[in-house]
């Protein structure tokens, strides 16, 4: 049995052993993720475990990096669109939450803290569209409804991306709890 199969069976045993009423209400995917939060809690409690200094790449997945590269290479793009995505500060706030991996180290609390951080990212992007609507309408030459629809699409895809790629102890540099290098 390989490690992935062992991990799945271990989760089945934990869940079937009555790990809590709240976990029983979670779907299978959420239960698998809670198991990863358990790994993070264990890594955080090990002797010598230390939180690394905070770092951010703006919006992960290359979103900020690609935007900056295009802005540097094409001055007209930079002048029209700016040097960074208009929602980049939302990503930095999200990174602060992801760096620590939640205040409460219990796996279920950590799971819900991550879900809350991801939802906050989505809402922040939507709030940027609402807050900056007049400027964005001028910049893009589009009505409010179009700006709102575009930002809603972006916010939802960002939410989907962080839900899929941000689980703790995944080995990815943008994972939940990435400030704990002991949890790969």
N, C-alpha and C. Protein backbone atom coordinates (compact mmCIF):
# COMPACT_ATOMS: atom_id res chain seq x y z
N UNK A 1 0.86 -1.18 0.00
CA UNK A 1 0.00 0.00 0.00
C UNK A 1 0.90 1.23 0.00
N UNK A 2 0.69 2.17 -0.97
CA UNK A 2 1.52 3.37 -1.01
C UNK A 2 1.06 4.38 0.04
N UNK A 3 1.83 5.47 0.20
CA UNK A 3 1.52 6.46 1.23
C UNK A 3 0.15 7.10 1.04
N UNK A 4 -0.22 7.41 -0.20
CA UNK A 4 -1.51 8.05 -0.45
C UNK A 4 -2.65 7.15 -0.01
N UNK A 5 -2.56 5.84 -0.35
CA UNK A 5 -3.60 4.93 0.07
C UNK A 5 -3.63 4.78 1.59
N UNK A 6 -2.45 4.72 2.18
CA UNK A 6 -2.38 4.62 3.64
C UNK A 6 -3.04 5.82 4.29
N UNK A 7 -2.74 7.04 3.76
CA UNK A 7 -3.33 8.25 4.31
C UNK A 7 -4.84 8.25 4.22
N UNK A 8 -5.38 7.80 3.10
CA UNK A 8 -6.84 7.72 2.94
C UNK A 8 -7.44 6.75 3.93
N UNK A 9 -6.81 5.58 4.09
CA UNK A 9 -7.33 4.60 5.04
C UNK A 9 -7.21 5.11 6.47
N UNK A 10 -6.14 5.81 6.77
CA UNK A 10 -6.00 6.38 8.12
C UNK A 10 -7.13 7.37 8.38
N UNK A 11 -7.48 8.18 7.38
CA UNK A 11 -8.57 9.12 7.56
C UNK A 11 -9.89 8.40 7.77
N UNK A 12 -10.14 7.35 7.01
CA UNK A 12 -11.37 6.57 7.17
C UNK A 12 -11.44 6.04 8.60
N UNK A 13 -10.34 5.55 9.12
CA UNK A 13 -10.33 5.03 10.49
C UNK A 13 -10.58 6.13 11.50
N UNK A 14 -9.98 7.30 11.29
CA UNK A 14 -10.18 8.41 12.22
C UNK A 14 -11.64 8.85 12.21
N UNK A 15 -12.20 9.02 11.01
CA UNK A 15 -13.58 9.47 10.91
C UNK A 15 -14.53 8.42 11.47
N UNK A 16 -14.31 7.16 11.13
CA UNK A 16 -15.21 6.11 11.60
C UNK A 16 -15.06 5.85 13.09
N UNK A 17 -13.96 6.28 13.68
CA UNK A 17 -13.75 6.09 15.12
C UNK A 17 -14.49 7.15 15.93
N UNK A 18 -15.20 8.05 15.24
CA UNK A 18 -15.98 9.05 15.99
C UNK A 18 -15.15 10.24 16.37
N UNK A 19 -14.51 10.87 15.40
CA UNK A 19 -13.63 12.00 15.69
C UNK A 19 -14.39 13.28 15.99
N UNK A 20 -15.70 13.25 15.97
CA UNK A 20 -16.47 14.43 16.35
C UNK A 20 -17.70 14.62 15.49
N UNK A 21 -18.72 15.19 16.09
CA UNK A 21 -19.97 15.40 15.36
C UNK A 21 -19.80 16.35 14.20
N UNK A 22 -19.00 17.40 14.37
CA UNK A 22 -18.83 18.39 13.30
C UNK A 22 -18.19 17.74 12.08
N UNK A 23 -17.23 16.84 12.29
CA UNK A 23 -16.59 16.19 11.17
C UNK A 23 -17.54 15.28 10.41
N UNK A 24 -18.52 14.71 11.12
CA UNK A 24 -19.50 13.86 10.46
C UNK A 24 -20.33 14.64 9.45
N UNK A 25 -20.49 15.94 9.68
CA UNK A 25 -21.27 16.77 8.78
C UNK A 25 -20.44 17.23 7.57
N UNK A 26 -19.15 17.08 7.62
CA UNK A 26 -18.29 17.49 6.52
C UNK A 26 -18.36 16.46 5.40
N UNK A 27 -18.21 16.93 4.17
CA UNK A 27 -18.14 16.02 3.04
C UNK A 27 -16.80 15.29 3.02
N UNK A 28 -16.67 14.34 2.13
CA UNK A 28 -15.46 13.54 2.03
C UNK A 28 -14.23 14.38 1.75
N UNK A 29 -14.34 15.33 0.83
CA UNK A 29 -13.20 16.18 0.50
C UNK A 29 -12.77 16.98 1.74
N UNK A 30 -13.74 17.54 2.45
CA UNK A 30 -13.42 18.30 3.65
C UNK A 30 -12.77 17.40 4.70
N UNK A 31 -13.25 16.17 4.82
CA UNK A 31 -12.65 15.24 5.78
C UNK A 31 -11.20 14.96 5.42
N UNK A 32 -10.92 14.81 4.12
CA UNK A 32 -9.54 14.60 3.70
C UNK A 32 -8.68 15.80 4.06
N UNK A 33 -9.25 16.97 3.88
CA UNK A 33 -8.48 18.17 4.22
C UNK A 33 -8.25 18.28 5.72
N UNK A 34 -9.24 17.94 6.52
CA UNK A 34 -9.06 18.00 7.98
C UNK A 34 -7.89 17.11 8.39
N UNK A 35 -7.73 16.00 7.72
CA UNK A 35 -6.58 15.13 8.00
C UNK A 35 -5.27 15.88 7.74
N UNK A 36 -5.22 16.72 6.71
CA UNK A 36 -4.01 17.50 6.43
C UNK A 36 -3.81 18.58 7.51
N UNK A 37 -4.90 19.11 8.02
CA UNK A 37 -4.80 20.08 9.11
C UNK A 37 -4.26 19.41 10.37
N UNK A 38 -4.57 18.13 10.56
CA UNK A 38 -4.01 17.36 11.67
C UNK A 38 -2.49 17.27 11.52
N UNK A 39 -2.02 17.03 10.30
CA UNK A 39 -0.58 16.99 10.04
C UNK A 39 0.07 18.34 10.38
N UNK A 40 -0.60 19.43 10.02
CA UNK A 40 -0.08 20.76 10.33
C UNK A 40 -0.02 20.96 11.84
N UNK A 41 -1.07 20.57 12.56
CA UNK A 41 -1.09 20.71 14.02
C UNK A 41 0.07 19.94 14.64
N UNK A 42 0.33 18.74 14.13
CA UNK A 42 1.44 17.94 14.65
C UNK A 42 2.78 18.62 14.36
N UNK A 43 2.94 19.14 13.16
CA UNK A 43 4.20 19.82 12.81
C UNK A 43 4.42 21.05 13.68
N UNK A 44 3.34 21.79 13.95
CA UNK A 44 3.46 23.00 14.77
C UNK A 44 3.81 22.68 16.22
N UNK A 45 3.45 21.48 16.69
CA UNK A 45 3.69 21.13 18.09
C UNK A 45 5.01 20.40 18.32
N UNK A 46 5.73 20.08 17.26
CA UNK A 46 7.00 19.37 17.42
C UNK A 46 8.05 20.26 18.09
N UNK A 47 8.94 19.61 18.85
CA UNK A 47 10.04 20.35 19.46
C UNK A 47 10.84 21.06 18.37
N UNK A 48 11.14 22.31 18.60
CA UNK A 48 11.94 23.08 17.66
C UNK A 48 11.16 23.68 16.51
N UNK A 49 9.86 23.43 16.44
CA UNK A 49 9.05 24.01 15.36
C UNK A 49 9.03 25.53 15.51
N UNK A 50 9.33 26.21 14.42
CA UNK A 50 9.37 27.66 14.44
C UNK A 50 8.67 28.22 13.22
N UNK A 51 7.94 29.29 13.45
CA UNK A 51 7.29 30.00 12.37
C UNK A 51 8.34 30.83 11.63
N UNK A 52 8.46 30.64 10.33
CA UNK A 52 9.40 31.40 9.52
C UNK A 52 8.91 32.84 9.36
N UNK A 53 9.80 33.72 8.98
CA UNK A 53 9.43 35.11 8.73
C UNK A 53 8.41 35.18 7.60
N UNK A 54 7.52 36.15 7.69
CA UNK A 54 6.48 36.30 6.68
C UNK A 54 7.07 36.69 5.33
N UNK A 55 6.56 36.06 4.29
CA UNK A 55 6.88 36.42 2.91
C UNK A 55 5.58 36.41 2.11
N UNK A 56 5.57 37.15 1.03
CA UNK A 56 4.42 37.15 0.13
C UNK A 56 4.90 37.29 -1.30
N UNK A 57 4.15 36.69 -2.20
CA UNK A 57 4.43 36.87 -3.63
C UNK A 57 3.29 37.64 -4.27
N UNK A 58 2.52 38.36 -3.46
CA UNK A 58 1.34 39.04 -3.98
C UNK A 58 0.29 37.99 -4.25
N UNK A 59 -0.18 37.92 -5.46
CA UNK A 59 -1.16 36.90 -5.84
C UNK A 59 -0.40 35.72 -6.43
N UNK A 60 -0.54 34.58 -5.79
CA UNK A 60 0.19 33.37 -6.16
C UNK A 60 -0.25 32.84 -7.52
N UNK A 61 0.39 31.75 -7.90
CA UNK A 61 0.07 31.13 -9.17
C UNK A 61 0.59 31.94 -10.34
N UNK A 62 1.47 32.87 -10.07
CA UNK A 62 2.05 33.69 -11.13
C UNK A 62 1.22 34.90 -11.50
N UNK A 63 0.05 35.08 -10.86
CA UNK A 63 -0.82 36.18 -11.25
C UNK A 63 -0.12 37.54 -11.12
N UNK A 64 0.47 37.82 -9.97
CA UNK A 64 1.17 39.10 -9.79
C UNK A 64 2.45 39.14 -10.61
N UNK A 65 3.17 38.03 -10.65
CA UNK A 65 4.44 38.00 -11.38
C UNK A 65 4.23 38.24 -12.88
N UNK A 66 3.24 37.59 -13.44
CA UNK A 66 2.96 37.77 -14.87
C UNK A 66 2.49 39.19 -15.14
N UNK A 67 1.63 39.71 -14.28
CA UNK A 67 1.14 41.07 -14.44
C UNK A 67 2.31 42.05 -14.45
N UNK A 68 3.24 41.89 -13.48
CA UNK A 68 4.39 42.79 -13.39
C UNK A 68 5.29 42.67 -14.62
N UNK A 69 5.50 41.46 -15.09
CA UNK A 69 6.34 41.25 -16.27
C UNK A 69 5.73 41.94 -17.48
N UNK A 70 4.43 41.79 -17.66
CA UNK A 70 3.77 42.45 -18.79
C UNK A 70 3.84 43.96 -18.63
N UNK A 71 3.63 44.45 -17.41
CA UNK A 71 3.68 45.90 -17.17
C UNK A 71 5.07 46.47 -17.44
N UNK A 72 6.11 45.70 -17.11
CA UNK A 72 7.48 46.16 -17.39
C UNK A 72 7.80 46.12 -18.87
N UNK A 73 7.27 45.14 -19.54
CA UNK A 73 7.57 44.95 -20.96
C UNK A 73 6.75 45.86 -21.88
N UNK A 74 5.56 46.22 -21.44
CA UNK A 74 4.65 46.99 -22.28
C UNK A 74 4.17 48.23 -21.53
N UNK A 75 4.84 49.36 -21.73
CA UNK A 75 4.47 50.59 -21.02
C UNK A 75 3.01 51.00 -21.21
N UNK A 76 2.44 50.75 -22.38
CA UNK A 76 1.02 51.11 -22.59
C UNK A 76 0.12 50.28 -21.67
N UNK A 77 0.45 49.01 -21.51
CA UNK A 77 -0.31 48.16 -20.59
C UNK A 77 -0.18 48.71 -19.17
N UNK A 78 1.07 49.01 -18.76
CA UNK A 78 1.31 49.54 -17.41
C UNK A 78 0.53 50.82 -17.19
N UNK A 79 0.56 51.71 -18.18
CA UNK A 79 -0.14 52.99 -18.03
C UNK A 79 -1.65 52.79 -17.91
N UNK A 80 -2.18 51.83 -18.63
CA UNK A 80 -3.62 51.59 -18.62
C UNK A 80 -4.07 50.73 -17.45
N UNK A 81 -3.24 49.73 -17.09
CA UNK A 81 -3.67 48.72 -16.11
C UNK A 81 -2.98 48.82 -14.76
N UNK A 82 -1.89 49.54 -14.67
CA UNK A 82 -1.14 49.62 -13.43
C UNK A 82 -0.04 48.56 -13.38
N UNK A 83 0.81 48.67 -12.38
CA UNK A 83 1.94 47.75 -12.26
C UNK A 83 1.61 46.46 -11.55
N UNK A 84 0.45 46.41 -10.90
CA UNK A 84 0.04 45.22 -10.16
C UNK A 84 -1.47 45.06 -10.32
N UNK A 85 -1.96 43.84 -10.14
CA UNK A 85 -3.42 43.66 -10.20
C UNK A 85 -4.12 44.56 -9.19
N UNK A 86 -5.27 45.12 -9.54
CA UNK A 86 -5.95 46.03 -8.61
C UNK A 86 -6.38 45.37 -7.31
N UNK A 87 -6.41 44.08 -7.28
CA UNK A 87 -6.83 43.33 -6.08
C UNK A 87 -5.64 42.72 -5.34
N UNK A 88 -4.42 43.12 -5.68
CA UNK A 88 -3.23 42.48 -5.09
C UNK A 88 -3.19 42.58 -3.57
N UNK A 89 -3.63 43.69 -2.99
CA UNK A 89 -3.62 43.81 -1.53
C UNK A 89 -4.49 42.74 -0.88
N UNK A 90 -5.55 42.32 -1.57
CA UNK A 90 -6.38 41.23 -1.06
C UNK A 90 -5.55 39.96 -0.90
N UNK A 91 -4.67 39.72 -1.87
CA UNK A 91 -3.82 38.53 -1.84
C UNK A 91 -2.81 38.59 -0.70
N UNK A 92 -2.29 39.78 -0.44
CA UNK A 92 -1.31 39.93 0.65
C UNK A 92 -1.98 39.66 2.00
N UNK A 93 -3.17 40.18 2.19
CA UNK A 93 -3.92 39.90 3.43
C UNK A 93 -4.18 38.41 3.54
N UNK A 94 -4.54 37.78 2.44
CA UNK A 94 -4.78 36.33 2.40
C UNK A 94 -3.49 35.59 2.76
N UNK A 95 -2.36 36.06 2.25
CA UNK A 95 -1.07 35.43 2.56
C UNK A 95 -0.74 35.51 4.05
N UNK A 96 -1.11 36.61 4.70
CA UNK A 96 -0.88 36.73 6.15
C UNK A 96 -1.60 35.59 6.87
N UNK A 97 -2.85 35.34 6.50
CA UNK A 97 -3.60 34.25 7.14
C UNK A 97 -2.98 32.90 6.81
N UNK A 98 -2.60 32.71 5.55
CA UNK A 98 -2.02 31.43 5.13
C UNK A 98 -0.66 31.18 5.77
N UNK A 99 0.11 32.22 5.96
CA UNK A 99 1.44 32.07 6.56
C UNK A 99 1.34 31.41 7.92
N UNK A 100 0.48 31.92 8.78
CA UNK A 100 0.33 31.37 10.13
C UNK A 100 -0.43 30.04 10.11
N UNK A 101 -1.46 29.96 9.30
CA UNK A 101 -2.25 28.74 9.28
C UNK A 101 -3.27 28.68 10.39
N UNK A 102 -3.74 29.83 10.81
CA UNK A 102 -4.79 29.89 11.83
C UNK A 102 -4.25 30.04 13.23
N UNK A 103 -5.03 30.70 14.06
CA UNK A 103 -4.65 30.89 15.47
C UNK A 103 -4.84 29.60 16.26
N UNK A 104 -5.97 28.97 16.05
CA UNK A 104 -6.33 27.73 16.76
C UNK A 104 -5.76 26.56 15.95
N UNK A 105 -4.89 25.76 16.57
CA UNK A 105 -4.23 24.68 15.84
C UNK A 105 -5.07 23.42 15.71
N UNK A 106 -6.24 23.37 16.37
CA UNK A 106 -7.03 22.16 16.24
C UNK A 106 -7.43 21.99 14.77
N UNK A 107 -7.40 20.76 14.26
CA UNK A 107 -7.63 20.54 12.83
C UNK A 107 -8.95 21.10 12.30
N UNK A 108 -10.02 20.94 13.03
CA UNK A 108 -11.30 21.43 12.55
C UNK A 108 -11.33 22.96 12.55
N UNK A 109 -10.81 23.58 13.59
CA UNK A 109 -10.75 25.05 13.64
C UNK A 109 -9.86 25.57 12.53
N UNK A 110 -8.76 24.89 12.29
CA UNK A 110 -7.85 25.29 11.21
C UNK A 110 -8.53 25.20 9.85
N UNK A 111 -9.28 24.12 9.65
CA UNK A 111 -10.03 23.94 8.40
C UNK A 111 -10.97 25.13 8.17
N UNK A 112 -11.75 25.47 9.20
CA UNK A 112 -12.72 26.55 9.05
C UNK A 112 -12.03 27.92 8.95
N UNK A 113 -10.88 28.08 9.58
CA UNK A 113 -10.13 29.33 9.44
C UNK A 113 -9.65 29.50 8.00
N UNK A 114 -9.19 28.42 7.40
CA UNK A 114 -8.77 28.48 6.00
C UNK A 114 -9.95 28.80 5.09
N UNK A 115 -11.06 28.14 5.30
CA UNK A 115 -12.25 28.41 4.51
C UNK A 115 -12.66 29.88 4.64
N UNK A 116 -12.59 30.41 5.85
CA UNK A 116 -12.92 31.81 6.10
C UNK A 116 -11.94 32.74 5.39
N UNK A 117 -10.65 32.43 5.44
CA UNK A 117 -9.64 33.25 4.75
C UNK A 117 -9.88 33.25 3.25
N UNK A 118 -10.24 32.10 2.71
CA UNK A 118 -10.49 32.00 1.27
C UNK A 118 -11.74 32.79 0.87
N UNK A 119 -12.76 32.70 1.70
CA UNK A 119 -13.98 33.48 1.42
C UNK A 119 -13.70 34.97 1.56
N UNK A 120 -12.86 35.35 2.51
CA UNK A 120 -12.48 36.76 2.67
C UNK A 120 -11.73 37.26 1.45
N UNK A 121 -10.88 36.41 0.87
CA UNK A 121 -10.18 36.80 -0.36
C UNK A 121 -11.20 37.08 -1.46
N UNK A 122 -12.14 36.17 -1.63
CA UNK A 122 -13.16 36.36 -2.67
C UNK A 122 -13.91 37.67 -2.44
N UNK A 123 -14.34 37.89 -1.20
CA UNK A 123 -15.11 39.11 -0.91
C UNK A 123 -14.27 40.36 -1.10
N UNK A 124 -13.02 40.31 -0.76
CA UNK A 124 -12.13 41.46 -0.92
C UNK A 124 -12.03 41.87 -2.39
N UNK A 125 -11.88 40.90 -3.29
CA UNK A 125 -11.81 41.20 -4.72
C UNK A 125 -13.12 41.85 -5.17
N UNK A 126 -14.24 41.34 -4.70
CA UNK A 126 -15.53 41.94 -5.04
C UNK A 126 -15.64 43.36 -4.47
N UNK A 127 -15.10 43.56 -3.27
CA UNK A 127 -15.13 44.88 -2.65
C UNK A 127 -14.28 45.89 -3.44
N UNK A 128 -13.16 45.43 -4.01
CA UNK A 128 -12.33 46.31 -4.83
C UNK A 128 -13.14 46.80 -6.03
N UNK A 129 -13.88 45.91 -6.66
CA UNK A 129 -14.71 46.30 -7.81
C UNK A 129 -15.74 47.34 -7.40
N UNK A 130 -16.35 47.14 -6.24
CA UNK A 130 -17.37 48.09 -5.78
C UNK A 130 -16.73 49.41 -5.37
N UNK A 131 -15.68 49.33 -4.59
CA UNK A 131 -15.01 50.54 -4.08
C UNK A 131 -14.43 51.39 -5.21
N UNK A 132 -13.80 50.74 -6.17
CA UNK A 132 -13.09 51.45 -7.24
C UNK A 132 -13.89 51.48 -8.54
N UNK A 133 -15.18 51.25 -8.46
CA UNK A 133 -16.01 51.12 -9.66
C UNK A 133 -15.85 52.29 -10.62
N UNK A 134 -15.94 53.51 -10.12
CA UNK A 134 -15.87 54.68 -11.01
C UNK A 134 -14.53 54.73 -11.74
N UNK A 135 -13.44 54.52 -11.02
CA UNK A 135 -12.11 54.55 -11.65
C UNK A 135 -11.95 53.39 -12.63
N UNK A 136 -12.45 52.23 -12.26
CA UNK A 136 -12.34 51.07 -13.15
C UNK A 136 -13.17 51.26 -14.42
N UNK A 137 -14.33 51.87 -14.28
CA UNK A 137 -15.15 52.15 -15.46
C UNK A 137 -14.41 53.07 -16.42
N UNK A 138 -13.75 54.08 -15.89
CA UNK A 138 -12.96 54.98 -16.74
C UNK A 138 -11.77 54.26 -17.36
N UNK A 139 -11.07 53.48 -16.54
CA UNK A 139 -9.88 52.77 -17.02
C UNK A 139 -10.21 51.81 -18.15
N UNK A 140 -11.27 51.04 -17.98
CA UNK A 140 -11.60 50.00 -18.95
C UNK A 140 -12.65 50.42 -19.97
N UNK A 141 -13.27 51.59 -19.76
CA UNK A 141 -14.30 52.04 -20.68
C UNK A 141 -15.50 51.12 -20.70
N UNK A 142 -15.83 50.57 -19.52
CA UNK A 142 -16.93 49.61 -19.39
C UNK A 142 -17.89 50.08 -18.30
N UNK A 143 -19.16 49.70 -18.42
CA UNK A 143 -20.13 50.08 -17.38
C UNK A 143 -19.90 49.28 -16.09
N UNK A 144 -20.51 49.76 -15.03
CA UNK A 144 -20.37 49.14 -13.70
C UNK A 144 -20.71 47.65 -13.75
N UNK A 145 -21.80 47.29 -14.41
CA UNK A 145 -22.23 45.88 -14.46
C UNK A 145 -21.16 44.98 -15.06
N UNK A 146 -20.49 45.46 -16.09
CA UNK A 146 -19.44 44.67 -16.74
C UNK A 146 -18.24 44.50 -15.81
N UNK A 147 -17.87 45.59 -15.15
CA UNK A 147 -16.75 45.54 -14.19
C UNK A 147 -17.10 44.55 -13.08
N UNK A 148 -18.31 44.66 -12.56
CA UNK A 148 -18.76 43.79 -11.48
C UNK A 148 -18.75 42.32 -11.91
N UNK A 149 -19.22 42.05 -13.10
CA UNK A 149 -19.25 40.68 -13.62
C UNK A 149 -17.83 40.13 -13.79
N UNK A 150 -16.94 40.94 -14.33
CA UNK A 150 -15.55 40.51 -14.53
C UNK A 150 -14.88 40.22 -13.19
N UNK A 151 -15.05 41.11 -12.22
CA UNK A 151 -14.42 40.90 -10.92
C UNK A 151 -15.05 39.72 -10.18
N UNK A 152 -16.34 39.51 -10.39
CA UNK A 152 -16.98 38.34 -9.77
C UNK A 152 -16.39 37.06 -10.35
N UNK A 153 -16.18 37.03 -11.65
CA UNK A 153 -15.55 35.87 -12.28
C UNK A 153 -14.15 35.65 -11.72
N UNK A 154 -13.36 36.71 -11.64
CA UNK A 154 -11.99 36.63 -11.11
C UNK A 154 -12.01 36.16 -9.66
N UNK A 155 -12.88 36.76 -8.85
CA UNK A 155 -12.96 36.41 -7.43
C UNK A 155 -13.31 34.94 -7.24
N UNK A 156 -14.24 34.45 -8.03
CA UNK A 156 -14.65 33.05 -7.91
C UNK A 156 -13.55 32.10 -8.38
N UNK A 157 -12.84 32.45 -9.42
CA UNK A 157 -11.73 31.58 -9.89
C UNK A 157 -10.58 31.60 -8.89
N UNK A 158 -10.32 32.75 -8.27
CA UNK A 158 -9.29 32.81 -7.23
C UNK A 158 -9.69 31.93 -6.05
N UNK A 159 -10.95 32.01 -5.65
CA UNK A 159 -11.45 31.18 -4.55
C UNK A 159 -11.27 29.70 -4.91
N UNK A 160 -11.68 29.32 -6.12
CA UNK A 160 -11.54 27.92 -6.54
C UNK A 160 -10.07 27.49 -6.50
N UNK A 161 -9.19 28.35 -6.98
CA UNK A 161 -7.76 28.01 -7.02
C UNK A 161 -7.17 27.80 -5.64
N UNK A 162 -7.50 28.69 -4.70
CA UNK A 162 -6.93 28.53 -3.35
C UNK A 162 -7.55 27.35 -2.61
N UNK A 163 -8.81 27.05 -2.91
CA UNK A 163 -9.42 25.87 -2.27
C UNK A 163 -8.75 24.60 -2.77
N UNK A 164 -8.46 24.53 -4.06
CA UNK A 164 -7.84 23.33 -4.63
C UNK A 164 -6.36 23.25 -4.27
N UNK A 165 -5.65 24.35 -4.38
CA UNK A 165 -4.19 24.30 -4.24
C UNK A 165 -3.61 24.77 -2.93
N UNK A 166 -4.45 25.08 -1.94
CA UNK A 166 -3.91 25.67 -0.72
C UNK A 166 -3.96 24.80 0.52
N UNK A 167 -4.24 23.53 0.38
CA UNK A 167 -4.34 22.65 1.56
C UNK A 167 -3.00 22.61 2.31
N UNK A 168 -3.04 22.44 3.62
CA UNK A 168 -1.81 22.41 4.40
C UNK A 168 -0.96 21.17 4.10
N UNK A 169 0.32 21.31 4.34
CA UNK A 169 1.28 20.20 4.25
C UNK A 169 1.26 19.54 2.88
N UNK A 170 1.10 20.34 1.84
CA UNK A 170 1.03 19.81 0.48
C UNK A 170 2.38 19.89 -0.24
N UNK A 171 3.32 20.63 0.33
CA UNK A 171 4.60 20.83 -0.34
C UNK A 171 4.59 22.05 -1.24
N UNK A 172 3.44 22.64 -1.46
CA UNK A 172 3.35 23.82 -2.31
C UNK A 172 3.74 25.06 -1.49
N UNK A 173 4.43 26.00 -2.11
CA UNK A 173 4.90 27.17 -1.35
C UNK A 173 3.78 28.09 -0.89
N UNK A 174 2.58 27.97 -1.43
CA UNK A 174 1.48 28.85 -1.05
C UNK A 174 0.44 28.13 -0.19
N UNK A 175 0.80 27.02 0.40
CA UNK A 175 -0.13 26.20 1.19
C UNK A 175 -0.51 26.89 2.50
N UNK A 176 -1.62 26.47 3.07
CA UNK A 176 -2.06 26.93 4.38
C UNK A 176 -0.99 26.54 5.39
N UNK A 177 -0.53 27.50 6.18
CA UNK A 177 0.52 27.22 7.16
C UNK A 177 1.90 27.20 6.54
N UNK A 178 2.10 27.89 5.41
CA UNK A 178 3.41 27.85 4.75
C UNK A 178 4.53 28.44 5.60
N UNK A 179 4.18 29.15 6.65
CA UNK A 179 5.19 29.67 7.56
C UNK A 179 5.81 28.60 8.45
N UNK A 180 5.23 27.41 8.42
CA UNK A 180 5.75 26.28 9.19
C UNK A 180 6.48 25.34 8.20
N UNK A 181 7.75 25.59 7.97
CA UNK A 181 8.47 24.80 6.95
C UNK A 181 8.58 23.31 7.30
N UNK A 182 8.30 22.97 8.54
CA UNK A 182 8.37 21.57 8.95
C UNK A 182 7.24 20.73 8.34
N UNK A 183 6.20 21.38 7.86
CA UNK A 183 5.03 20.65 7.37
C UNK A 183 5.01 20.66 5.85
N UNK A 184 5.59 19.66 5.27
CA UNK A 184 5.60 19.52 3.81
C UNK A 184 4.69 18.41 3.46
